[in-house]
Amino acid sequence: MSTQVQGKILSLQIHRNKRQPMEKSTSLNLIKNFGIEGDIYGTNKSSRENNQILLMDKETLDHLNLSPGIIKENITTKNIEINSLKIGQKLSIGQDVILQITKPCVPCSLMDEIRPGLHQLLENQRGMLAKVEQGGIINENDSIELIN
């Protein structure tokens, strides 16, 4: 198995309550087949099922003049093109965590509450959803490697 350094974690966010802003964090506990400890989607009853974590890259956010966490992503990356990842690819984060990409995140109409027209602007570029294949603690500035 080969790996290559792709990027790092720029920002971490947790979604504790529906329809509320994301809460920034310096570290998150990711639980295998569950999601983020304390996150509203970190439950066996989540509507996201295996789509437990939303990843987005800062470069796309910058292009759209958006700040980290505003579109409800859990992990904001730097130097890795999240929207170019393929379903089934795996990311190694920090010392222990492995995420498997499950599908692109389809923007919902609530994005227009952030900025009118954002729902359409984010089409095919709202980031990727992933499931936690191997859990552990992740921290800001942790490295992210694409596992081939």
Protein backbone atom coordinates (compact mmCIF):
# COMPACT_ATOMS: atom_id res chain seq x y z
CA MET A 1 0.00 0.00 0.00
CA SER A 2 1.49 3.35 -1.00
CA THR A 3 0.64 6.74 0.35
CA GLN A 4 1.50 10.25 -0.65
CA VAL A 5 1.13 13.38 1.43
CA GLN A 6 -1.66 15.47 0.01
CA GLY A 7 -2.53 18.14 2.51
CA LYS A 8 -3.50 19.00 6.03
CA ILE A 9 -6.46 19.91 8.21
CA LEU A 10 -6.98 23.65 8.23
CA SER A 11 -10.13 23.75 10.39
CA LEU A 12 -12.46 21.40 12.29
CA GLN A 13 -16.15 21.95 12.97
CA ILE A 14 -18.82 20.02 14.85
CA HIS A 15 -22.56 20.23 14.21
CA ARG A 16 -24.23 19.96 17.64
CA ASN A 17 -27.73 21.26 16.78
CA LYS A 18 -29.81 21.39 13.62
CA ARG A 19 -30.16 24.76 11.93
CA GLN A 20 -27.41 26.23 14.14
CA PRO A 21 -23.92 27.39 13.13
CA MET A 22 -21.09 24.90 13.30
CA GLU A 23 -18.92 24.98 16.42
CA LYS A 24 -15.19 25.26 15.74
CA SER A 25 -12.90 22.81 17.50
CA THR A 26 -9.16 22.13 17.63
CA SER A 27 -9.71 18.36 17.80
CA LEU A 28 -12.48 15.83 17.15
CA ASN A 29 -12.98 12.22 18.21
CA LEU A 30 -14.02 10.10 15.22
CA ILE A 31 -15.70 6.78 16.02
CA LYS A 32 -15.63 3.84 13.60
CA ASN A 33 -18.92 3.34 11.70
CA PHE A 34 -20.47 6.14 13.77
CA GLY A 35 -19.04 9.57 12.98
CA ILE A 36 -17.94 12.41 15.22
CA GLU A 37 -18.53 12.10 18.95
CA GLY A 38 -21.05 14.80 19.94
CA ASP A 39 -22.10 15.64 16.35
CA ILE A 40 -25.79 15.41 15.42
CA TYR A 41 -24.86 13.05 12.59
CA GLY A 42 -22.77 10.89 14.93
CA THR A 43 -25.59 8.50 15.73
CA ASN A 44 -26.84 5.19 14.48
CA LYS A 45 -30.12 6.95 13.62
CA SER A 46 -28.51 9.54 11.34
CA SER A 47 -30.17 10.28 8.04
CA ARG A 48 -26.65 10.28 6.57
CA GLU A 49 -26.07 6.56 7.34
CA ASN A 50 -22.51 5.85 6.11
CA ASN A 51 -22.05 9.48 5.09
CA GLN A 52 -20.85 10.63 8.51
CA ILE A 53 -18.22 13.29 7.79
CA LEU A 54 -18.31 16.19 5.31
CA LEU A 55 -14.95 17.31 3.90
CA MET A 56 -14.33 20.52 1.96
CA ASP A 57 -11.16 22.23 0.78
CA LYS A 58 -10.23 25.82 1.58
CA GLU A 59 -9.28 26.48 -2.03
CA THR A 60 -12.89 25.92 -3.19
CA LEU A 61 -14.21 27.98 -0.26
CA ASP A 62 -11.82 30.81 -1.16
CA HIS A 63 -12.94 30.68 -4.80
CA LEU A 64 -16.56 31.11 -3.64
CA ASN A 65 -15.61 33.72 -1.01
CA LEU A 66 -16.78 31.50 1.88
CA SER A 67 -15.23 30.92 5.28
CA PRO A 68 -14.46 27.48 6.80
CA GLY A 69 -17.49 25.81 8.39
CA ILE A 70 -20.10 28.02 6.72
CA ILE A 71 -21.38 25.26 4.41
CA LYS A 72 -21.51 22.83 7.37
CA GLU A 73 -18.37 20.82 6.60
CA ASN A 74 -16.70 19.01 9.49
CA ILE A 75 -13.18 19.03 8.09
CA THR A 76 -11.75 21.89 6.05
CA THR A 77 -8.58 20.85 4.25
CA LYS A 78 -5.71 22.67 2.60
CA ASN A 79 -3.70 21.49 -0.43
CA ILE A 80 -6.01 18.60 -1.36
CA GLU A 81 -8.73 18.79 -4.01
CA ILE A 82 -11.63 17.23 -2.11
CA ASN A 83 -14.08 17.44 -5.01
CA SER A 84 -11.72 15.38 -7.20
CA LEU A 85 -11.74 12.40 -4.81
CA LYS A 86 -13.48 9.25 -6.00
CA ILE A 87 -16.01 7.07 -4.17
CA GLY A 88 -14.16 4.32 -2.33
CA GLN A 89 -10.87 6.20 -1.98
CA LYS A 90 -9.42 6.33 1.52
CA LEU A 91 -7.77 9.13 3.44
CA SER A 92 -5.41 8.65 6.34
CA ILE A 93 -5.58 11.55 8.81
CA GLY A 94 -3.11 12.11 11.62
CA GLN A 95 -1.87 9.04 13.47
CA ASP A 96 -4.90 6.71 13.44
CA VAL A 97 -7.93 7.82 11.46
CA ILE A 98 -8.95 6.38 8.09
CA LEU A 99 -11.94 7.79 6.21
CA GLN A 100 -13.51 6.22 3.14
CA ILE A 101 -15.14 8.55 0.60
CA THR A 102 -18.78 7.53 0.14
CA LYS A 103 -20.32 10.16 -2.17
CA PRO A 104 -20.37 13.81 -3.22
CA CYS A 105 -22.42 16.08 -0.97
CA VAL A 106 -25.37 17.46 -2.88
CA PRO A 107 -26.09 21.06 -1.88
CA CYS A 108 -29.51 21.68 -0.36
CA SER A 109 -31.71 24.76 -0.64
CA LEU A 110 -30.62 25.85 2.85
CA MET A 111 -27.37 27.02 1.25
CA ASP A 112 -29.35 29.96 -0.15
CA GLU A 113 -29.90 31.12 3.45
CA ILE A 114 -26.14 31.63 3.68
CA ARG A 115 -26.06 33.59 0.44
CA PRO A 116 -28.70 33.85 -2.30
CA GLY A 117 -27.70 31.67 -5.25
CA LEU A 118 -25.18 29.62 -3.25
CA HIS A 119 -27.22 26.41 -3.69
CA GLN A 120 -26.63 26.57 -7.45
CA LEU A 121 -23.00 27.77 -7.14
CA LEU A 122 -22.14 24.74 -4.99
CA GLU A 123 -23.48 22.23 -7.53
CA ASN A 124 -20.77 19.55 -7.96
CA GLN A 125 -18.46 21.30 -5.49
CA ARG A 126 -19.93 21.10 -1.97
CA GLY A 127 -17.34 18.57 -0.86
CA MET A 128 -17.35 14.84 -0.24
CA LEU A 129 -18.98 12.70 2.40
CA ALA A 130 -17.06 9.93 4.10
CA LYS A 131 -17.49 7.19 6.68
CA VAL A 132 -15.13 6.51 9.54
CA GLU A 133 -13.35 3.25 8.75
CA GLN A 134 -10.84 3.56 11.59
CA GLY A 135 -11.46 5.96 14.47
CA GLY A 136 -9.28 8.16 16.61
CA ILE A 137 -8.57 11.78 17.47
CA ILE A 138 -7.86 14.28 14.70
CA ASN A 139 -6.42 17.74 15.24
CA GLU A 140 -5.99 20.97 13.32
CA ASN A 141 -2.82 20.81 11.20
CA ASP A 142 -2.83 16.99 11.06
CA SER A 143 -1.58 15.64 7.75
CA ILE A 144 -3.96 14.02 5.27
CA GLU A 145 -2.70 11.30 2.94
CA LEU A 146 -4.54 9.68 0.08
CA ILE A 147 -4.17 5.90 0.39
CA ASN A 148 -3.93 4.22 -3.03
